[in-house]
Amino acid sequence: MITSQFLVKNLVFASLIVSINIIISPFGFGLESWIWRFGYRGYFDHGNVITQLLLITLMLFISYQDMFTYKKSFIAITVLALLLTGTRAGQIAILLIIAMIVFYYAFYDHSISSKAKKNLRIFFYCSIVLIIIGIFASSYYLSRNADYTNYDSILSAILSYRNHMALRTFNHFIGQTPLQITVSSIFGMGYSSIMSVLLSFGLTPTLEIDFLAAFFYSGIFIFIFILAINWKAFKSVLSQFRTHHKFDIWMLITALVVSNSLALINGHVFFETLVSPYFYSLIAICINGKHVR
């Protein structure tokens, strides 16, 4: 029988290989992600893929840290690798994870003083404000440097043109005949069809908003299935947290929040070959319930 502990140990070991490849990339053992800005992706195809993988593993590791010996070393290696990828999603997600950890200690940890809790709450609110300002400031900067980025608005910069991908896909969907719309709704339009549409407009050939991709690629049943397993996972860990208020369960909630947020605005979570085993392992761990120790 495969236990959650067994899954986490193997996911952590595999991610460590990925992190090391990213860290040695600046020394000629990997590739840069972009020509015009900082970022490394090792010998992997896409920096965002690595970001999602490492973030999910980091949160699982923190949740199951009691199983491991070299806790600080692994966290440091993973965070360094995430920073070296140069992705905004990775940098913002690290700040969000820190904010979620601070939130736990500010509102749920009864072992610290009231004064410390008050300071942590102030820090949490400031962190959220800084994250929002950082998102809009970086997006504004990118939109103002259109010669390099081609972003035509702040929204395009925030979503890295994914809003255009979604719009083109939706227009193609509703432009079909009623019969084609019905069939596409049930079975999806398929990856190749959407890829051709996006390429015809000079866009990235992947619909990088996973919730929309679930429907447009595979149809309504796959879309409902993904919503259902996410709902079941959230329901399970929230129920456990209400009973126990334990930090390890809170980190599983954080992992679900961060990974689903990335799926919504950044993609490469539900369907990506490298990342999906990590995400669905997280879902299985949350639903399984054996994380309560």
Protein backbone atom coordinates (compact mmCIF):
# COMPACT_ATOMS: atom_id res chain seq x y z
CA MET A 1 0.00 0.00 0.00
CA ILE A 2 1.32 3.44 -0.97
CA THR A 3 1.23 5.83 1.98
CA SER A 4 1.32 9.61 1.92
CA GLN A 5 4.73 9.50 3.61
CA PHE A 6 6.08 7.27 0.84
CA LEU A 7 4.74 9.62 -1.83
CA VAL A 8 6.21 12.72 -0.21
CA LYS A 9 9.66 11.15 0.28
CA ASN A 10 9.88 10.20 -3.40
CA LEU A 11 8.54 13.53 -4.64
CA VAL A 12 11.05 15.38 -2.47
CA PHE A 13 13.96 13.25 -3.72
CA ALA A 14 12.97 13.76 -7.36
CA SER A 15 12.55 17.52 -6.90
CA LEU A 16 16.00 17.74 -5.31
CA ILE A 17 17.52 16.57 -8.61
CA VAL A 18 15.57 19.30 -10.41
CA SER A 19 16.67 21.97 -7.92
CA ILE A 20 20.34 21.02 -8.24
CA ASN A 21 20.11 21.22 -12.04
CA ILE A 22 18.67 24.75 -11.77
CA ILE A 23 21.33 25.85 -9.28
CA ILE A 24 24.24 24.70 -11.48
CA SER A 25 22.69 26.23 -14.63
CA PRO A 26 24.54 29.57 -14.30
CA PHE A 27 27.81 27.62 -14.50
CA GLY A 28 27.04 26.20 -17.94
CA PHE A 29 25.05 23.13 -16.91
CA GLY A 30 21.65 24.40 -18.01
CA LEU A 31 19.76 26.83 -20.23
CA GLU A 32 18.49 30.36 -19.75
CA SER A 33 14.72 30.84 -19.82
CA TRP A 34 14.73 34.21 -21.60
CA ILE A 35 17.08 36.29 -23.70
CA TRP A 36 15.90 39.63 -22.34
CA ARG A 37 15.68 38.93 -18.59
CA PHE A 38 17.15 36.82 -15.81
CA GLY A 39 16.10 33.20 -15.35
CA TYR A 40 17.35 29.62 -15.69
CA ARG A 41 15.49 26.39 -16.46
CA GLY A 42 18.25 23.80 -16.33
CA TYR A 43 17.82 21.18 -19.04
CA PHE A 44 14.04 21.37 -18.83
CA ASP A 45 11.67 22.78 -21.40
CA HIS A 46 9.90 25.51 -19.47
CA GLY A 47 10.69 27.65 -16.43
CA ASN A 48 7.07 27.84 -15.28
CA VAL A 49 6.88 24.04 -15.20
CA ILE A 50 9.85 23.91 -12.83
CA THR A 51 8.33 26.66 -10.71
CA GLN A 52 5.06 24.78 -10.19
CA LEU A 53 6.84 21.51 -9.42
CA LEU A 54 9.19 23.04 -6.84
CA LEU A 55 6.45 25.05 -5.14
CA ILE A 56 4.21 22.02 -4.62
CA THR A 57 7.15 20.00 -3.32
CA LEU A 58 8.28 22.78 -0.98
CA MET A 59 4.85 22.98 0.66
CA LEU A 60 4.57 19.20 0.96
CA PHE A 61 8.05 19.10 2.50
CA ILE A 62 7.18 21.74 5.09
CA SER A 63 4.01 19.82 5.94
CA TYR A 64 5.93 16.55 6.35
CA GLN A 65 9.20 18.01 7.64
CA ASP A 66 9.23 15.74 10.72
CA MET A 67 10.18 12.83 8.44
CA PHE A 68 13.35 14.52 7.23
CA THR A 69 16.72 15.30 8.80
CA TYR A 70 18.16 18.12 6.70
CA LYS A 71 15.15 20.44 6.82
CA LYS A 72 16.84 23.83 6.47
CA SER A 73 19.17 22.59 3.72
CA PHE A 74 16.34 21.30 1.54
CA ILE A 75 14.25 24.44 2.01
CA ALA A 76 17.26 26.65 1.18
CA ILE A 77 18.10 24.63 -1.96
CA THR A 78 14.49 24.70 -3.17
CA VAL A 79 13.99 28.42 -2.53
CA LEU A 80 17.31 29.23 -4.25
CA ALA A 81 16.27 27.16 -7.28
CA LEU A 82 12.90 28.93 -7.38
CA LEU A 83 14.58 32.35 -7.32
CA LEU A 84 17.00 31.29 -10.06
CA THR A 85 14.11 30.33 -12.37
CA GLY A 86 13.35 34.06 -12.51
CA THR A 87 9.61 33.53 -12.86
CA ARG A 88 7.31 36.10 -11.29
CA ALA A 89 4.97 33.28 -10.30
CA GLY A 90 7.73 31.67 -8.25
CA GLN A 91 8.74 34.89 -6.50
CA ILE A 92 5.16 35.90 -5.70
CA ALA A 93 4.26 32.37 -4.57
CA ILE A 94 7.21 32.32 -2.13
CA LEU A 95 5.92 35.55 -0.60
CA LEU A 96 2.40 34.10 -0.48
CA ILE A 97 3.65 30.95 1.29
CA ILE A 98 5.48 33.12 3.85
CA ALA A 99 2.30 35.16 4.33
CA MET A 100 0.24 31.99 4.86
CA ILE A 101 2.74 30.72 7.44
CA VAL A 102 2.67 34.07 9.26
CA PHE A 103 -1.15 33.97 9.12
CA TYR A 104 -1.16 30.61 10.88
CA TYR A 105 1.07 31.76 13.72
CA ALA A 106 -0.78 35.09 14.01
CA PHE A 107 -4.25 33.58 14.30
CA TYR A 108 -4.01 29.88 15.24
CA ASP A 109 -0.84 29.29 17.25
CA HIS A 110 -1.65 29.61 20.96
CA SER A 111 1.94 29.15 22.13
CA ILE A 112 3.04 32.72 21.40
CA SER A 113 2.21 35.91 23.27
CA SER A 114 -0.57 38.35 22.35
CA LYS A 115 1.99 41.03 21.52
CA ALA A 116 3.83 38.70 19.15
CA LYS A 117 0.54 37.74 17.52
CA LYS A 118 -0.30 41.43 17.02
CA ASN A 119 3.06 42.05 15.34
CA LEU A 120 2.61 39.00 13.13
CA ARG A 121 -0.82 40.19 12.05
CA ILE A 122 0.60 43.58 11.09
CA PHE A 123 3.37 41.80 9.17
CA PHE A 124 0.77 39.61 7.42
CA TYR A 125 -1.36 42.57 6.28
CA CYS A 126 1.75 44.43 5.09
CA SER A 127 2.90 41.33 3.19
CA ILE A 128 -0.42 41.08 1.33
CA VAL A 129 -0.24 44.78 0.40
CA LEU A 130 3.36 44.38 -0.80
CA ILE A 131 2.45 41.31 -2.89
CA ILE A 132 -0.38 43.21 -4.61
CA ILE A 133 1.83 46.26 -5.18
CA GLY A 134 4.61 44.02 -6.49
CA ILE A 135 2.31 42.31 -8.99
CA PHE A 136 0.99 45.58 -10.40
CA ALA A 137 4.37 47.39 -10.30
CA SER A 138 6.19 44.60 -12.18
CA SER A 139 3.31 44.28 -14.64
CA TYR A 140 3.29 48.04 -15.23
CA TYR A 141 7.04 47.95 -15.87
CA LEU A 142 6.66 45.11 -18.36
CA SER A 143 3.77 46.81 -20.16
CA ARG A 144 5.89 49.97 -20.51
CA ASN A 145 8.71 48.00 -22.12
CA ALA A 146 6.65 46.67 -25.01
CA ASP A 147 9.70 46.58 -27.31
CA TYR A 148 10.85 43.51 -25.37
CA THR A 149 7.64 42.04 -23.99
CA ASN A 150 4.89 42.96 -26.51
CA TYR A 151 2.40 43.35 -23.64
CA ASP A 152 -0.34 45.77 -24.67
CA SER A 153 -1.80 46.41 -21.20
CA ILE A 154 -1.19 45.86 -17.49
CA LEU A 155 -3.67 42.95 -17.56
CA SER A 156 -1.70 41.31 -20.37
CA ALA A 157 1.49 41.77 -18.36
CA ILE A 158 -0.08 40.31 -15.20
CA LEU A 159 -1.34 37.27 -17.11
CA SER A 160 1.56 37.15 -19.62
CA TYR A 161 -0.89 37.36 -22.54
CA ARG A 162 -3.00 34.48 -21.20
CA ASN A 163 -6.09 36.70 -21.37
CA HIS A 164 -5.60 36.88 -25.15
CA MET A 165 -5.17 33.10 -25.34
CA ALA A 166 -8.44 32.62 -23.46
CA LEU A 167 -10.28 35.18 -25.61
CA ARG A 168 -9.11 33.67 -28.91
CA THR A 169 -10.04 30.18 -27.73
CA PHE A 170 -13.49 31.31 -26.58
CA ASN A 171 -14.16 33.13 -29.86
CA HIS A 172 -13.18 30.01 -31.79
CA PHE A 173 -15.49 27.92 -29.57
CA ILE A 174 -18.58 30.10 -30.04
CA GLY A 175 -17.81 30.54 -33.75
CA GLN A 176 -18.62 26.88 -34.43
CA THR A 177 -21.96 25.48 -35.57
CA PRO A 178 -24.47 24.52 -32.83
CA LEU A 179 -23.69 20.83 -33.37
CA GLN A 180 -19.94 21.45 -33.13
CA ILE A 181 -20.43 23.49 -29.95
CA THR A 182 -22.40 20.63 -28.41
CA VAL A 183 -19.77 18.04 -29.33
CA SER A 184 -16.94 20.33 -28.19
CA SER A 185 -18.70 20.94 -24.88
CA ILE A 186 -18.94 17.20 -24.22
CA PHE A 187 -15.63 15.96 -25.59
CA GLY A 188 -13.56 19.15 -25.86
CA MET A 189 -11.87 20.64 -28.91
CA GLY A 190 -8.55 18.86 -28.32
CA TYR A 191 -5.05 20.24 -27.91
CA SER A 192 -4.17 20.33 -31.62
CA SER A 193 -7.24 22.33 -32.58
CA ILE A 194 -6.63 25.02 -29.96
CA MET A 195 -2.89 25.04 -30.72
CA SER A 196 -3.64 25.84 -34.37
CA VAL A 197 -5.95 28.70 -33.35
CA LEU A 198 -3.43 30.26 -30.97
CA LEU A 199 -0.54 29.88 -33.41
CA SER A 200 -2.57 31.61 -36.11
CA PHE A 201 -2.61 34.71 -33.90
CA GLY A 202 1.08 34.45 -33.03
CA LEU A 203 0.38 33.36 -29.45
CA THR A 204 1.91 30.62 -27.31
CA PRO A 205 0.33 27.37 -28.57
CA THR A 206 -0.90 26.29 -25.13
CA LEU A 207 -3.96 27.60 -23.27
CA GLU A 208 -2.16 28.40 -20.03
CA ILE A 209 -5.22 28.77 -17.82
CA ASP A 210 -5.77 25.24 -16.61
CA PHE A 211 -9.41 25.55 -15.53
CA LEU A 212 -10.36 26.80 -19.00
CA ALA A 213 -8.04 24.27 -20.62
CA ALA A 214 -9.84 21.44 -18.81
CA PHE A 215 -13.09 22.44 -20.52
CA PHE A 216 -11.83 23.49 -23.93
CA TYR A 217 -9.32 20.64 -24.30
CA SER A 218 -11.27 17.75 -22.78
CA GLY A 219 -14.89 18.78 -22.31
CA ILE A 220 -17.35 19.31 -19.50
CA PHE A 221 -16.90 15.94 -17.77
CA ILE A 222 -13.14 16.37 -17.24
CA PHE A 223 -13.77 19.96 -16.12
CA ILE A 224 -16.33 18.78 -13.54
CA PHE A 225 -14.02 15.94 -12.42
CA ILE A 226 -11.14 18.38 -11.73
CA LEU A 227 -13.47 20.71 -9.81
CA ALA A 228 -14.84 17.75 -7.84
CA ILE A 229 -11.47 16.37 -6.72
CA ASN A 230 -10.28 19.84 -5.77
CA TRP A 231 -13.46 20.39 -3.77
CA LYS A 232 -13.06 17.03 -2.04
CA ALA A 233 -9.41 17.76 -1.19
CA PHE A 234 -10.24 21.22 0.21
CA LYS A 235 -13.20 19.84 2.15
CA SER A 236 -11.05 17.09 3.68
CA VAL A 237 -8.18 19.27 4.88
CA LEU A 238 -10.44 22.08 6.07
CA SER A 239 -12.43 19.57 8.11
CA GLN A 240 -9.22 18.21 9.65
CA PHE A 241 -7.91 21.71 10.34
CA ARG A 242 -11.09 22.80 12.11
CA THR A 243 -10.64 19.83 14.44
CA HIS A 244 -6.88 19.93 15.03
CA HIS A 245 -5.53 23.39 14.01
CA LYS A 246 -2.23 21.70 13.20
CA PHE A 247 0.50 23.40 11.17
CA ASP A 248 1.10 20.43 8.85
CA ILE A 249 -2.55 20.48 7.77
CA TRP A 250 -2.39 24.25 7.28
CA MET A 251 0.52 23.76 4.88
CA LEU A 252 -1.57 21.29 2.85
CA ILE A 253 -4.28 23.96 2.64
CA THR A 254 -1.59 26.42 1.53
CA ALA A 255 -0.41 23.95 -1.10
CA LEU A 256 -3.93 23.61 -2.50
CA VAL A 257 -4.47 27.39 -2.51
CA VAL A 258 -1.15 28.16 -4.21
CA SER A 259 -1.29 25.33 -6.78
CA ASN A 260 -4.88 26.13 -7.79
CA SER A 261 -4.07 29.84 -7.98
CA LEU A 262 -1.17 29.01 -10.30
CA ALA A 263 -3.46 26.77 -12.36
CA LEU A 264 -5.87 29.69 -12.74
CA ILE A 265 -3.41 32.43 -13.73
CA ASN A 266 -0.24 30.65 -14.83
CA GLY A 267 -1.17 27.15 -16.03
CA HIS A 268 1.13 24.11 -16.19
CA VAL A 269 -0.45 22.31 -13.22
CA PHE A 270 -3.37 20.03 -14.21
CA PHE A 271 -2.04 18.68 -17.51
CA GLU A 272 1.72 19.25 -17.57
CA THR A 273 3.56 15.93 -17.72
CA LEU A 274 6.22 16.91 -15.20
CA VAL A 275 3.97 18.74 -12.74
CA SER A 276 0.68 16.79 -12.77
CA PRO A 277 2.05 13.77 -10.79
CA TYR A 278 3.01 16.22 -8.02
CA PHE A 279 -0.34 17.99 -8.08
CA TYR A 280 -2.47 14.84 -8.12
CA SER A 281 -0.28 13.31 -5.41
CA LEU A 282 -1.09 16.40 -3.33
CA ILE A 283 -4.80 15.88 -4.05
CA ALA A 284 -4.55 12.20 -3.06
CA ILE A 285 -2.69 13.05 0.15
CA CYS A 286 -5.31 15.63 1.13
CA ILE A 287 -8.25 13.33 0.40
CA ASN A 288 -6.58 10.30 2.01
CA GLY A 289 -6.58 11.87 5.44
CA LYS A 290 -3.48 10.11 6.76
CA HIS A 291 -1.67 13.42 7.11
CA VAL A 292 -3.13 13.83 10.61
CA ARG A 293 -0.29 12.81 12.94
